[in-house]
Structures are given as C-alpha cells and as structure tokens.
PDB file of N, CA and C in Angstrom:
ATOM      1  N   MET A   1      53.632  -5.174 -89.197  1.00  0.00           N
ATOM      2  CA  MET A   1      53.246  -5.586 -87.869  1.00  0.00           C
ATOM      3  C   MET A   1      53.622  -4.548 -86.827  1.00  0.00           C
ATOM      4  N   GLN A   2      54.797  -3.967 -86.990  1.00  0.00           N
ATOM      5  CA  GLN A   2      55.269  -2.953 -86.051  1.00  0.00           C
ATOM      6  C   GLN A   2      54.316  -1.759 -86.033  1.00  0.00           C
ATOM      7  N   ARG A   3      53.841  -1.382 -87.185  1.00  0.00           N
ATOM      8  CA  ARG A   3      52.976  -0.221 -87.305  1.00  0.00           C
ATOM      9  C   ARG A   3      51.648  -0.444 -86.570  1.00  0.00           C
ATOM     10  N   ALA A   4      51.071  -1.619 -86.596  1.00  0.00           N
ATOM     11  CA  ALA A   4      49.796  -1.901 -85.938  1.00  0.00           C
ATOM     12  C   ALA A   4      49.925  -1.795 -84.419  1.00  0.00           C
ATOM     13  N   SER A   5      51.038  -2.263 -83.856  1.00  0.00           N
ATOM     14  CA  SER A   5      51.185  -2.210 -82.405  1.00  0.00           C
ATOM     15  C   SER A   5      51.387  -0.776 -81.918  1.00  0.00           C
ATOM     16  N   THR A   6      52.037   0.073 -82.695  1.00  0.00           N
ATOM     17  CA  THR A   6      52.197   1.464 -82.274  1.00  0.00           C
ATOM     18  C   THR A   6      50.880   2.216 -82.382  1.00  0.00           C
ATOM     19  N   TYR A   7      49.996   1.790 -83.276  1.00  0.00           N
ATOM     20  CA  TYR A   7      48.688   2.423 -83.391  1.00  0.00           C
ATOM     21  C   TYR A   7      47.817   2.086 -82.180  1.00  0.00           C
ATOM     22  N   HIS A   8      47.876   0.852 -81.715  1.00  0.00           N
ATOM     23  CA  HIS A   8      47.021   0.416 -80.613  1.00  0.00           C
ATOM     24  C   HIS A   8      47.521   0.876 -79.251  1.00  0.00           C
ATOM     25  N   ALA A   9      48.780   1.237 -79.126  1.00  0.00           N
ATOM     26  CA  ALA A   9      49.315   1.647 -77.825  1.00  0.00           C
ATOM     27  C   ALA A   9      48.590   2.874 -77.258  1.00  0.00           C
ATOM     28  N   PRO A  10      48.395   3.956 -78.022  1.00  0.00           N
ATOM     29  CA  PRO A  10      47.671   5.109 -77.466  1.00  0.00           C
ATOM     30  C   PRO A  10      46.216   4.775 -77.143  1.00  0.00           C
ATOM     31  N   CYS A  11      45.585   3.945 -77.963  1.00  0.00           N
ATOM     32  CA  CYS A  11      44.193   3.550 -77.702  1.00  0.00           C
ATOM     33  C   CYS A  11      44.101   2.732 -76.418  1.00  0.00           C
ATOM     34  N   MET A  12      45.078   1.873 -76.219  1.00  0.00           N
ATOM     35  CA  MET A  12      45.086   1.038 -75.017  1.00  0.00           C
ATOM     36  C   MET A  12      45.294   1.899 -73.775  1.00  0.00           C
ATOM     37  N   ARG A  13      46.207   2.864 -73.863  1.00  0.00           N
ATOM     38  CA  ARG A  13      46.430   3.764 -72.723  1.00  0.00           C
ATOM     39  C   ARG A  13      45.177   4.559 -72.407  1.00  0.00           C
ATOM     40  N   ARG A  14      44.509   5.016 -73.438  1.00  0.00           N
ATOM     41  CA  ARG A  14      43.283   5.789 -73.251  1.00  0.00           C
ATOM     42  C   ARG A  14      42.205   4.918 -72.606  1.00  0.00           C
ATOM     43  N   ALA A  15      42.084   3.672 -73.035  1.00  0.00           N
ATOM     44  CA  ALA A  15      41.087   2.761 -72.467  1.00  0.00           C
ATOM     45  C   ALA A  15      41.383   2.477 -70.995  1.00  0.00           C
ATOM     46  N   VAL A  16      42.644   2.269 -70.663  1.00  0.00           N
ATOM     47  CA  VAL A  16      43.028   2.031 -69.268  1.00  0.00           C
ATOM     48  C   VAL A  16      42.726   3.266 -68.427  1.00  0.00           C
ATOM     49  N   LEU A  17      42.991   4.449 -68.959  1.00  0.00           N
ATOM     50  CA  LEU A  17      42.709   5.688 -68.240  1.00  0.00           C
ATOM     51  C   LEU A  17      41.210   5.850 -67.992  1.00  0.00           C
ATOM     52  N   VAL A  18      40.392   5.560 -68.988  1.00  0.00           N
ATOM     53  CA  VAL A  18      38.936   5.670 -68.844  1.00  0.00           C
ATOM     54  C   VAL A  18      38.427   4.700 -67.781  1.00  0.00           C
ATOM     55  N   VAL A  19      38.904   3.473 -67.799  1.00  0.00           N
ATOM     56  CA  VAL A  19      38.481   2.480 -66.800  1.00  0.00           C
ATOM     57  C   VAL A  19      38.915   2.919 -65.402  1.00  0.00           C
ATOM     58  N   ALA A  20      40.132   3.441 -65.271  1.00  0.00           N
ATOM     59  CA  ALA A  20      40.610   3.896 -63.965  1.00  0.00           C
ATOM     60  C   ALA A  20      39.759   5.049 -63.439  1.00  0.00           C
ATOM     61  N   LEU A  21      39.403   5.986 -64.315  1.00  0.00           N
ATOM     62  CA  LEU A  21      38.556   7.104 -63.894  1.00  0.00           C
ATOM     63  C   LEU A  21      37.161   6.643 -63.497  1.00  0.00           C
ATOM     64  N   MET A  22      36.624   5.667 -64.209  1.00  0.00           N
ATOM     65  CA  MET A  22      35.300   5.137 -63.866  1.00  0.00           C
ATOM     66  C   MET A  22      35.325   4.452 -62.506  1.00  0.00           C
ATOM     67  N   LEU A  23      36.381   3.700 -62.235  1.00  0.00           N
ATOM     68  CA  LEU A  23      36.500   3.033 -60.937  1.00  0.00           C
ATOM     69  C   LEU A  23      36.665   4.050 -59.809  1.00  0.00           C
ATOM     70  N   ALA A  24      37.421   5.104 -60.060  1.00  0.00           N
ATOM     71  CA  ALA A  24      37.603   6.138 -59.037  1.00  0.00           C
ATOM     72  C   ALA A  24      36.298   6.862 -58.745  1.00  0.00           C
ATOM     73  N   ALA A  25      35.488   7.086 -59.768  1.00  0.00           N
ATOM     74  CA  ALA A  25      34.203   7.760 -59.567  1.00  0.00           C
ATOM     75  C   ALA A  25      33.198   6.845 -58.872  1.00  0.00           C
ATOM     76  N   ALA A  26      33.286   5.557 -59.117  1.00  0.00           N
ATOM     77  CA  ALA A  26      32.332   4.617 -58.516  1.00  0.00           C
ATOM     78  C   ALA A  26      32.643   4.343 -57.052  1.00  0.00           C
ATOM     79  N   ALA A  27      33.869   4.475 -56.632  1.00  0.00           N
ATOM     80  CA  ALA A  27      34.248   4.170 -55.250  1.00  0.00           C
ATOM     81  C   ALA A  27      33.515   5.025 -54.225  1.00  0.00           C
ATOM     82  N   PRO A  28      33.433   6.359 -54.383  1.00  0.00           N
ATOM     83  CA  PRO A  28      32.693   7.143 -53.396  1.00  0.00           C
ATOM     84  C   PRO A  28      31.214   6.789 -53.358  1.00  0.00           C
ATOM     85  N   ALA A  29      30.638   6.430 -54.494  1.00  0.00           N
ATOM     86  CA  ALA A  29      29.227   6.053 -54.507  1.00  0.00           C
ATOM     87  C   ALA A  29      29.007   4.794 -53.684  1.00  0.00           C
ATOM     88  N   GLN A  30      29.927   3.859 -53.743  1.00  0.00           N
ATOM     89  CA  GLN A  30      29.797   2.640 -52.947  1.00  0.00           C
ATOM     90  C   GLN A  30      30.018   2.921 -51.470  1.00  0.00           C
ATOM     91  N   ALA A  31      30.885   3.893 -51.165  1.00  0.00           N
ATOM     92  CA  ALA A  31      31.173   4.207 -49.771  1.00  0.00           C
ATOM     93  C   ALA A  31      29.946   4.763 -49.067  1.00  0.00           C
ATOM     94  N   ARG A  32      29.101   5.470 -49.794  1.00  0.00           N
ATOM     95  CA  ARG A  32      27.884   6.009 -49.216  1.00  0.00           C
ATOM     96  C   ARG A  32      26.792   4.971 -49.334  1.00  0.00           C
ATOM     97  N   GLY A  33      26.898   3.927 -48.576  1.00  0.00           N
ATOM     98  CA  GLY A  33      25.955   2.836 -48.661  1.00  0.00           C
ATOM     99  C   GLY A  33      24.684   3.092 -47.892  1.00  0.00           C
ATOM    100  N   ARG A  34      23.977   2.029 -47.679  1.00  0.00           N
ATOM    101  CA  ARG A  34      22.692   2.092 -46.991  1.00  0.00           C
ATOM    102  C   ARG A  34      22.873   2.561 -45.559  1.00  0.00           C
ATOM    103  N   ALA A  35      21.981   3.431 -45.129  1.00  0.00           N
ATOM    104  CA  ALA A  35      22.023   3.934 -43.760  1.00  0.00           C
ATOM    105  C   ALA A  35      20.620   3.899 -43.173  1.00  0.00           C
ATOM    106  N   VAL A  36      20.546   3.630 -41.882  1.00  0.00           N
ATOM    107  CA  VAL A  36      19.282   3.694 -41.159  1.00  0.00           C
ATOM    108  C   VAL A  36      19.474   4.670 -40.014  1.00  0.00           C
ATOM    109  N   ASP A  37      18.716   5.757 -40.044  1.00  0.00           N
ATOM    110  CA  ASP A  37      18.734   6.720 -38.952  1.00  0.00           C
ATOM    111  C   ASP A  37      17.528   6.449 -38.064  1.00  0.00           C
ATOM    112  N   ARG A  38      17.764   6.457 -36.753  1.00  0.00           N
ATOM    113  CA  ARG A  38      16.702   6.212 -35.777  1.00  0.00           C
ATOM    114  C   ARG A  38      16.616   7.395 -34.842  1.00  0.00           C
ATOM    115  N   GLY A  39      15.398   7.779 -34.494  1.00  0.00           N
ATOM    116  CA  GLY A  39      15.273   8.869 -33.545  1.00  0.00           C
ATOM    117  C   GLY A  39      13.853   9.371 -33.403  1.00  0.00           C
ATOM    118  N   VAL A  40      13.751  10.490 -32.717  1.00  0.00           N
ATOM    119  CA  VAL A  40      12.460  11.123 -32.464  1.00  0.00           C
ATOM    120  C   VAL A  40      12.257  12.223 -33.498  1.00  0.00           C
ATOM    121  N   VAL A  41      11.064  12.274 -34.071  1.00  0.00           N
ATOM    122  CA  VAL A  41      10.752  13.278 -35.079  1.00  0.00           C
ATOM    123  C   VAL A  41      10.718  14.654 -34.414  1.00  0.00           C
ATOM    124  N   ILE A  42      11.524  15.566 -34.932  1.00  0.00           N
ATOM    125  CA  ILE A  42      11.563  16.937 -34.443  1.00  0.00           C
ATOM    126  C   ILE A  42      10.735  17.840 -35.353  1.00  0.00           C
ATOM    127  N   ARG A  43      10.874  17.637 -36.674  1.00  0.00           N
ATOM    128  CA  ARG A  43      10.202  18.503 -37.627  1.00  0.00           C
ATOM    129  C   ARG A  43       9.903  17.709 -38.892  1.00  0.00           C
ATOM    130  N   VAL A  44       8.763  17.995 -39.498  1.00  0.00           N
ATOM    131  CA  VAL A  44       8.395  17.391 -40.775  1.00  0.00           C
ATOM    132  C   VAL A  44       8.116  18.519 -41.759  1.00  0.00           C
ATOM    133  N   ARG A  45       8.823  18.495 -42.864  1.00  0.00           N
ATOM    134  CA  ARG A  45       8.634  19.460 -43.944  1.00  0.00           C
ATOM    135  C   ARG A  45       8.241  18.678 -45.199  1.00  0.00           C
ATOM    136  N   PRO A  46       7.714  19.364 -46.222  1.00  0.00           N
ATOM    137  CA  PRO A  46       7.295  18.631 -47.433  1.00  0.00           C
ATOM    138  C   PRO A  46       8.403  17.811 -48.081  1.00  0.00           C
ATOM    139  N   PHE A  47       9.668  18.277 -47.983  1.00  0.00           N
ATOM    140  CA  PHE A  47      10.747  17.560 -48.655  1.00  0.00           C
ATOM    141  C   PHE A  47      11.847  17.109 -47.711  1.00  0.00           C
ATOM    142  N   ALA A  48      11.573  17.085 -46.398  1.00  0.00           N
ATOM    143  CA  ALA A  48      12.600  16.638 -45.446  1.00  0.00           C
ATOM    144  C   ALA A  48      11.965  16.292 -44.108  1.00  0.00           C
ATOM    145  N   ILE A  49      12.683  15.464 -43.357  1.00  0.00           N
ATOM    146  CA  ILE A  49      12.298  15.127 -41.996  1.00  0.00           C
ATOM    147  C   ILE A  49      13.532  15.348 -41.121  1.00  0.00           C
ATOM    148  N   VAL A  50      13.332  15.896 -39.935  1.00  0.00           N
ATOM    149  CA  VAL A  50      14.438  16.135 -39.015  1.00  0.00           C
ATOM    150  C   VAL A  50      14.236  15.233 -37.802  1.00  0.00           C
ATOM    151  N   LEU A  51      15.280  14.458 -37.482  1.00  0.00           N
ATOM    152  CA  LEU A  51      15.237  13.531 -36.349  1.00  0.00           C
ATOM    153  C   LEU A  51      16.230  13.941 -35.281  1.00  0.00           C
ATOM    154  N   GLN A  52      15.857  13.760 -34.035  1.00  0.00           N
ATOM    155  CA  GLN A  52      16.799  13.842 -32.919  1.00  0.00           C
ATOM    156  C   GLN A  52      17.248  12.399 -32.722  1.00  0.00           C
ATOM    157  N   GLU A  53      18.489  12.098 -33.108  1.00  0.00           N
ATOM    158  CA  GLU A  53      18.949  10.716 -33.075  1.00  0.00           C
ATOM    159  C   GLU A  53      19.258  10.270 -31.648  1.00  0.00           C
ATOM    160  N   LEU A  54      19.501   9.000 -31.495  1.00  0.00           N
ATOM    161  CA  LEU A  54      19.727   8.418 -30.174  1.00  0.00           C
ATOM    162  C   LEU A  54      20.956   8.989 -29.479  1.00  0.00           C
ATOM    163  N   ASP A  55      21.955   9.429 -30.253  1.00  0.00           N
ATOM    164  CA  ASP A  55      23.168   9.999 -29.650  1.00  0.00           C
ATOM    165  C   ASP A  55      23.044  11.502 -29.392  1.00  0.00           C
ATOM    166  N   GLY A  56      21.878  12.077 -29.663  1.00  0.00           N
ATOM    167  CA  GLY A  56      21.649  13.485 -29.400  1.00  0.00           C
ATOM    168  C   GLY A  56      21.831  14.396 -30.586  1.00  0.00           C
ATOM    169  N   THR A  57      22.394  13.905 -31.673  1.00  0.00           N
ATOM    170  CA  THR A  57      22.584  14.740 -32.859  1.00  0.00           C
ATOM    171  C   THR A  57      21.283  14.846 -33.638  1.00  0.00           C
ATOM    172  N   ARG A  58      21.203  15.884 -34.449  1.00  0.00           N
ATOM    173  CA  ARG A  58      20.026  16.062 -35.314  1.00  0.00           C
ATOM    174  C   ARG A  58      20.397  15.704 -36.741  1.00  0.00           C
ATOM    175  N   ALA A  59      19.511  15.011 -37.392  1.00  0.00           N
ATOM    176  CA  ALA A  59      19.743  14.611 -38.783  1.00  0.00           C
ATOM    177  C   ALA A  59      18.591  15.108 -39.646  1.00  0.00           C
ATOM    178  N   ARG A  60      18.937  15.830 -40.706  1.00  0.00           N
ATOM    179  CA  ARG A  60      17.935  16.260 -41.689  1.00  0.00           C
ATOM    180  C   ARG A  60      18.047  15.324 -42.879  1.00  0.00           C
ATOM    181  N   ILE A  61      16.967  14.629 -43.165  1.00  0.00           N
ATOM    182  CA  ILE A  61      16.976  13.632 -44.231  1.00  0.00           C
ATOM    183  C   ILE A  61      15.980  14.055 -45.303  1.00  0.00           C
ATOM    184  N   PRO A  62      16.444  14.198 -46.548  1.00  0.00           N
ATOM    185  CA  PRO A  62      15.514  14.577 -47.618  1.00  0.00           C
ATOM    186  C   PRO A  62      14.501  13.473 -47.886  1.00  0.00           C
ATOM    187  N   VAL A  63      13.316  13.884 -48.318  1.00  0.00           N
ATOM    188  CA  VAL A  63      12.218  12.959 -48.603  1.00  0.00           C
ATOM    189  C   VAL A  63      11.690  13.292 -49.995  1.00  0.00           C
ATOM    190  N   SER A  64      11.307  12.270 -50.744  1.00  0.00           N
ATOM    191  CA  SER A  64      10.746  12.483 -52.079  1.00  0.00           C
ATOM    192  C   SER A  64       9.309  11.968 -52.105  1.00  0.00           C
ATOM    193  N   PRO A  65       8.572  12.272 -53.151  1.00  0.00           N
ATOM    194  CA  PRO A  65       7.204  11.738 -53.269  1.00  0.00           C
ATOM    195  C   PRO A  65       7.175  10.205 -53.349  1.00  0.00           C
ATOM    196  N   ARG A  66       8.291   9.602 -53.695  1.00  0.00           N
ATOM    197  CA  ARG A  66       8.353   8.133 -53.798  1.00  0.00           C
ATOM    198  C   ARG A  66       8.668   7.450 -52.471  1.00  0.00           C
ATOM    199  N   THR A  67       8.964   8.230 -51.425  1.00  0.00           N
ATOM    200  CA  THR A  67       9.276   7.650 -50.117  1.00  0.00           C
ATOM    201  C   THR A  67       8.047   6.948 -49.557  1.00  0.00           C
ATOM    202  N   ILE A  68       8.254   5.727 -49.089  1.00  0.00           N
ATOM    203  CA  ILE A  68       7.168   4.948 -48.477  1.00  0.00           C
ATOM    204  C   ILE A  68       7.139   5.278 -46.988  1.00  0.00           C
ATOM    205  N   VAL A  69       5.993   5.757 -46.510  1.00  0.00           N
ATOM    206  CA  VAL A  69       5.858   6.168 -45.116  1.00  0.00           C
ATOM    207  C   VAL A  69       4.799   5.311 -44.447  1.00  0.00           C
ATOM    208  N   THR A  70       5.150   4.719 -43.289  1.00  0.00           N
ATOM    209  CA  THR A  70       4.167   3.975 -42.496  1.00  0.00           C
ATOM    210  C   THR A  70       4.170   4.513 -41.074  1.00  0.00           C
ATOM    211  N   LEU A  71       2.983   4.555 -40.469  1.00  0.00           N
ATOM    212  CA  LEU A  71       2.824   4.968 -39.081  1.00  0.00           C
ATOM    213  C   LEU A  71       2.057   3.872 -38.371  1.00  0.00           C
ATOM    214  N   ASP A  72       2.676   3.290 -37.364  1.00  0.00           N
ATOM    215  CA  ASP A  72       2.092   2.154 -36.633  1.00  0.00           C
ATOM    216  C   ASP A  72       1.688   1.023 -37.581  1.00  0.00           C
ATOM    217  N   GLY A  73       2.499   0.815 -38.626  1.00  0.00           N
ATOM    218  CA  GLY A  73       2.280  -0.283 -39.557  1.00  0.00           C
ATOM    219  C   GLY A  73       1.312   0.011 -40.688  1.00  0.00           C
ATOM    220  N   ARG A  74       0.716   1.192 -40.702  1.00  0.00           N
ATOM    221  CA  ARG A  74      -0.234   1.542 -41.766  1.00  0.00           C
ATOM    222  C   ARG A  74       0.376   2.566 -42.709  1.00  0.00           C
ATOM    223  N   PRO A  75       0.122   2.436 -44.010  1.00  0.00           N
ATOM    224  CA  PRO A  75       0.629   3.429 -44.958  1.00  0.00           C
ATOM    225  C   PRO A  75      -0.039   4.787 -44.713  1.00  0.00           C
ATOM    226  N   VAL A  76       0.764   5.844 -44.673  1.00  0.00           N
ATOM    227  CA  VAL A  76       0.259   7.204 -44.467  1.00  0.00           C
ATOM    228  C   VAL A  76       1.055   8.167 -45.335  1.00  0.00           C
ATOM    229  N   THR A  77       0.612   9.408 -45.354  1.00  0.00           N
ATOM    230  CA  THR A  77       1.388  10.444 -46.016  1.00  0.00           C
ATOM    231  C   THR A  77       2.381  11.003 -45.006  1.00  0.00           C
ATOM    232  N   LEU A  78       3.354  11.732 -45.502  1.00  0.00           N
ATOM    233  CA  LEU A  78       4.369  12.318 -44.630  1.00  0.00           C
ATOM    234  C   LEU A  78       3.736  13.280 -43.625  1.00  0.00           C
ATOM    235  N   ARG A  79       2.658  13.948 -44.023  1.00  0.00           N
ATOM    236  CA  ARG A  79       1.989  14.909 -43.131  1.00  0.00           C
ATOM    237  C   ARG A  79       1.389  14.258 -41.894  1.00  0.00           C
ATOM    238  N   ALA A  80       1.199  12.954 -41.922  1.00  0.00           N
ATOM    239  CA  ALA A  80       0.611  12.267 -40.760  1.00  0.00           C
ATOM    240  C   ALA A  80       1.603  12.147 -39.603  1.00  0.00           C
ATOM    241  N   LEU A  81       2.896  12.283 -39.884  1.00  0.00           N
ATOM    242  CA  LEU A  81       3.897  12.187 -38.822  1.00  0.00           C
ATOM    243  C   LEU A  81       3.871  13.440 -37.965  1.00  0.00           C
ATOM    244  N   ARG A  82       4.059  13.256 -36.662  1.00  0.00           N
ATOM    245  CA  ARG A  82       4.016  14.368 -35.715  1.00  0.00           C
ATOM    246  C   ARG A  82       5.294  14.433 -34.904  1.00  0.00           C
ATOM    247  N   ARG A  83       5.556  15.608 -34.379  1.00  0.00           N
ATOM    248  CA  ARG A  83       6.685  15.806 -33.475  1.00  0.00           C
ATOM    249  C   ARG A  83       6.526  14.847 -32.299  1.00  0.00           C
ATOM    250  N   GLY A  84       7.601  14.135 -31.970  1.00  0.00           N
ATOM    251  CA  GLY A  84       7.574  13.184 -30.870  1.00  0.00           C
ATOM    252  C   GLY A  84       7.411  11.735 -31.301  1.00  0.00           C
ATOM    253  N   ASP A  85       6.988  11.506 -32.542  1.00  0.00           N
ATOM    254  CA  ASP A  85       6.908  10.131 -33.052  1.00  0.00           C
ATOM    255  C   ASP A  85       8.321   9.567 -33.163  1.00  0.00           C
ATOM    256  N   VAL A  86       8.441   8.262 -32.995  1.00  0.00           N
ATOM    257  CA  VAL A  86       9.730   7.585 -33.157  1.00  0.00           C
ATOM    258  C   VAL A  86       9.797   7.069 -34.586  1.00  0.00           C
ATOM    259  N   ALA A  87      10.936   7.291 -35.269  1.00  0.00           N
ATOM    260  CA  ALA A  87      11.032   6.918 -36.677  1.00  0.00           C
ATOM    261  C   ALA A  87      12.340   6.212 -36.992  1.00  0.00           C
ATOM    262  N   PHE A  88      12.261   5.306 -37.947  1.00  0.00           N
ATOM    263  CA  PHE A  88      13.405   4.622 -38.543  1.00  0.00           C
ATOM    264  C   PHE A  88      13.396   5.024 -40.011  1.00  0.00           C
ATOM    265  N   VAL A  89      14.475   5.639 -40.484  1.00  0.00           N
ATOM    266  CA  VAL A  89      14.527   6.150 -41.855  1.00  0.00           C
ATOM    267  C   VAL A  89      15.628   5.423 -42.614  1.00  0.00           C
ATOM    268  N   LEU A  90      15.257   4.773 -43.705  1.00  0.00           N
ATOM    269  CA  LEU A  90      16.204   4.066 -44.570  1.00  0.00           C
ATOM    270  C   LEU A  90      16.528   4.957 -45.761  1.00  0.00           C
ATOM    271  N   HIS A  91      17.830   5.213 -45.986  1.00  0.00           N
ATOM    272  CA  HIS A  91      18.254   6.035 -47.113  1.00  0.00           C
ATOM    273  C   HIS A  91      19.648   5.615 -47.544  1.00  0.00           C
ATOM    274  N   PHE A  92      20.068   6.108 -48.705  1.00  0.00           N
ATOM    275  CA  PHE A  92      21.405   5.855 -49.245  1.00  0.00           C
ATOM    276  C   PHE A  92      22.121   7.185 -49.394  1.00  0.00           C
ATOM    277  N   GLY A  93      23.110   7.419 -48.559  1.00  0.00           N
ATOM    278  CA  GLY A  93      23.875   8.663 -48.615  1.00  0.00           C
ATOM    279  C   GLY A  93      22.987   9.884 -48.481  1.00  0.00           C
ATOM    280  N   ALA A  94      23.182  10.850 -49.376  1.00  0.00           N
ATOM    281  CA  ALA A  94      22.409  12.088 -49.330  1.00  0.00           C
ATOM    282  C   ALA A  94      21.134  12.015 -50.166  1.00  0.00           C
ATOM    283  N   ARG A  95      20.872  10.854 -50.748  1.00  0.00           N
ATOM    284  CA  ARG A  95      19.666  10.714 -51.555  1.00  0.00           C
ATOM    285  C   ARG A  95      18.424  10.718 -50.668  1.00  0.00           C
ATOM    286  N   PRO A  96      17.249  11.028 -51.227  1.00  0.00           N
ATOM    287  CA  PRO A  96      16.021  11.025 -50.424  1.00  0.00           C
ATOM    288  C   PRO A  96      15.737   9.659 -49.813  1.00  0.00           C
ATOM    289  N   ALA A  97      15.045   9.686 -48.689  1.00  0.00           N
ATOM    290  CA  ALA A  97      14.713   8.452 -47.969  1.00  0.00           C
ATOM    291  C   ALA A  97      13.899   7.520 -48.842  1.00  0.00           C
ATOM    292  N   LEU A  98      14.179   6.228 -48.706  1.00  0.00           N
ATOM    293  CA  LEU A  98      13.382   5.219 -49.400  1.00  0.00           C
ATOM    294  C   LEU A  98      12.151   4.855 -48.587  1.00  0.00           C
ATOM    295  N   ARG A  99      12.355   4.751 -47.262  1.00  0.00           N
ATOM    296  CA  ARG A  99      11.283   4.296 -46.390  1.00  0.00           C
ATOM    297  C   ARG A  99      11.380   4.956 -45.033  1.00  0.00           C
ATOM    298  N   ILE A 100      10.245   5.319 -44.478  1.00  0.00           N
ATOM    299  CA  ILE A 100      10.163   5.835 -43.118  1.00  0.00           C
ATOM    300  C   ILE A 100       9.163   4.972 -42.359  1.00  0.00           C
ATOM    301  N   ARG A 101       9.631   4.323 -41.307  1.00  0.00           N
ATOM    302  CA  ARG A 101       8.749   3.545 -40.422  1.00  0.00           C
ATOM    303  C   ARG A 101       8.640   4.311 -39.122  1.00  0.00           C
ATOM    304  N   ALA A 102       7.437   4.788 -38.809  1.00  0.00           N
ATOM    305  CA  ALA A 102       7.258   5.597 -37.614  1.00  0.00           C
ATOM    306  C   ALA A 102       6.245   4.951 -36.683  1.00  0.00           C
ATOM    307  N   PHE A 103       6.389   5.297 -35.399  1.00  0.00           N
ATOM    308  CA  PHE A 103       5.492   4.791 -34.356  1.00  0.00           C
ATOM    309  C   PHE A 103       5.060   5.972 -33.513  1.00  0.00           C
ATOM    310  N   SER A 104       3.750   6.072 -33.290  1.00  0.00           N
ATOM    311  CA  SER A 104       3.246   7.208 -32.518  1.00  0.00           C
ATOM    312  C   SER A 104       3.630   7.071 -31.054  1.00  0.00           C
ATOM    313  N   ARG A 105       3.647   8.203 -30.360  1.00  0.00           N
ATOM    314  CA  ARG A 105       4.081   8.192 -28.969  1.00  0.00           C
ATOM    315  C   ARG A 105       3.076   7.612 -28.055  1.00  0.00           C
TER     316      ARG A 105
END
C-alpha cells in the first residue's frame, strides 16, 4: 500500500501543476473580453479599419473576411465604408472585428 501512494504523489503534483498552468493561461484570455469601439471612420484598409473615437484617440481594429459589415442597416462590403461615416465595431481583444455597424454622414 505504501508503494502505491508514493507512485501517485509525483503524478498528482504534475496534474496540479498542469491545471494551474492552464488556469493561468486562460485568465488573460478572459480579461480581453468583448469590446465595442465607437467613432468616426478615418481610414478603411482591406484588413483593418481606423476610427477616431469619441475621446479623441485613434483605434486600429483588424478586420477579417468573416466580419459582418452593415451600412445604414444594409449588408455591404468593407469597401462601401467611407471616411466620415460613424461606426460601432464589436471585437474581442486584438482579434478581428466580428461586426461593424456604420451609418453614413
């Protein structure tokens, strides 16, 4: 019986260490939660949009082919957005935007 418990002790320590490392790695991912950036469109590029936010800062948000873009409630391509349009961009951390809702000036 003594021999079995000494065998499992290193395995148990290793399992606890693995779980602790997984939790530590998952914490930053949770911290970068959902974000909505609002502002005026400054620049539109094939893989990014730049907004002048309400507080005056500029935000560059990556965009992917899967990003859903609407302008005045209608589905459009990213190229339909123009400088001066007002946009709401939903994204998670540094990942590409999920949705862009824009309104023409």
